[in-house]
Every structure is written in structure tokens, then in C-alpha cells.
Amino acid sequence: MTFKTVLLDFDGTLADTNRLISESHFVVMEENFPGRFKKEEMAQFNGPSLEEIYGNLDQSRQQELGARYREVMLAKHDDMIGIFPGIKEMLENLKQEGLRLGVVSTKRSDVLKRGVSILGITEYFDTIIGSDGFSHPKPDPESLFLAMERLDAERETSVMVGDNHHDIVAGNNAGVTSVFVGWSEKTTSFIQPYRPTKIVKDPQELEEYILSGMRA
């Protein structure tokens, strides 16, 4: 398989924001649902959209709770966001090989682009799509189709890379290759029921997998 287009999730895939997200959700949970969740249970909220998370908890206050989360998260954002080791080198190598790269996230576009900029990786991406750019978040494939349209990509030569089942299911639903990254919070045993095409342990292995068809 020769890939031409690589779509990547942001949080937990490119950016090490797991602690930022967990701590921000915990503040909101303690304010609004005191004692209902333990801090170590916050990992379950890394990945789903805010609409899904807070809609499931209290549909009538979904927007209010989501807005409060953004307020808390933004106050911590610039100090707590980081990049996983090897990501920048991988992106540079993929770009040098002529691949088209895109970010597809459930994070709002302004915050997403701010994060990409802080990490110093904006130059590698041909498109960056946040939650305000589509109606149905992952695992619905809408955002992937939008990115593929912008990049003039075909399903057969596209890959979706992510750290959560929402990314994998979205990739499978879109008919593209789905790759789970093993360097974040979710485990291999967690993701296997969602049937990713490939599981990689680090950015170097991801790069090798994507470029293997071009170098065969």
C-alpha cells in the first residue's frame, strides 16, 4: 500500500495533553458533580467531544458545562501542552517524502491551531480542521471526508492516525486505513475490539509503516 495522505488526531496523538485534559475535566466535575468521579477516572474523557461528554452527564446543561471546561482548560493550556518525543521528526520526514498531512480534531479550531502553533508544527500541515468545521464529530467520518476533500485525497491511499477508539472507528467508517498509536493513555487491549488496521508503538514505527509502500 502506498499512502499519499495522512490525517492525524491532535490530543494524545501529536500533543501530550492528557494531564491538561484530565485536570480540566476534574475541575468541572467537582464543581458540578461533586464526588461522582475520582481523579483517576478522568482518562475516559480524553477523546470524546465535549458535546458527547457533557451531553451524557446533563443534556440540559451541555453548552454551559462545555463552556466552563474550555475556560478552565484555556487557563492552563499554554503551560501544560507538550509534544510527544519523535513527533516533529516524523512529520518532517513524511513531508519531505511528499505526503499531504492534515489534523482532524474534536477541539475547536482556534484552540487547535493555537496548540499546533505552540508545538511548532504548523508548517507541516496542509489542512487543520477543528470541531466548528463540521457537524458530526468522530467516530462519524464527516470530518475525515472534509479533510480528504480539501487534500484531494482518495480512500485507498489515506490513513487516519489516532490514540482513541473514536479515531479508529472514524477511519474504518471512512474506508481508510486506521492506525492506533501506543504512546498515549489507551492500551492495545482497549483498542483491539475496534479493529484498527495497524498498531504502532512509537512515531518512528508509524513513519516506517506509512513510508513502507513508497520504499518497496
Foldseek 3Di string as FASTA:
>chain_A
DAAAEEEEEPDQTFKPCQVLLLVLVVVLCCVPPNPPDDSVPSSVVPADALQVVVCVVPVVCSVVSSVSSCVSSVVCPLVRMEGDPPNQVLLVVCVVVNHAYEYEYQAAPVVQVVSCVSHPNPVSHPYYDYNVVDDDAFVALVSVVVVCVSVVHDQANYEYEYADLRRQSNNVNVNHQYEHEQPGDDHPVRNVVSPHNYYDDDSVVVSCVNCVVVVD
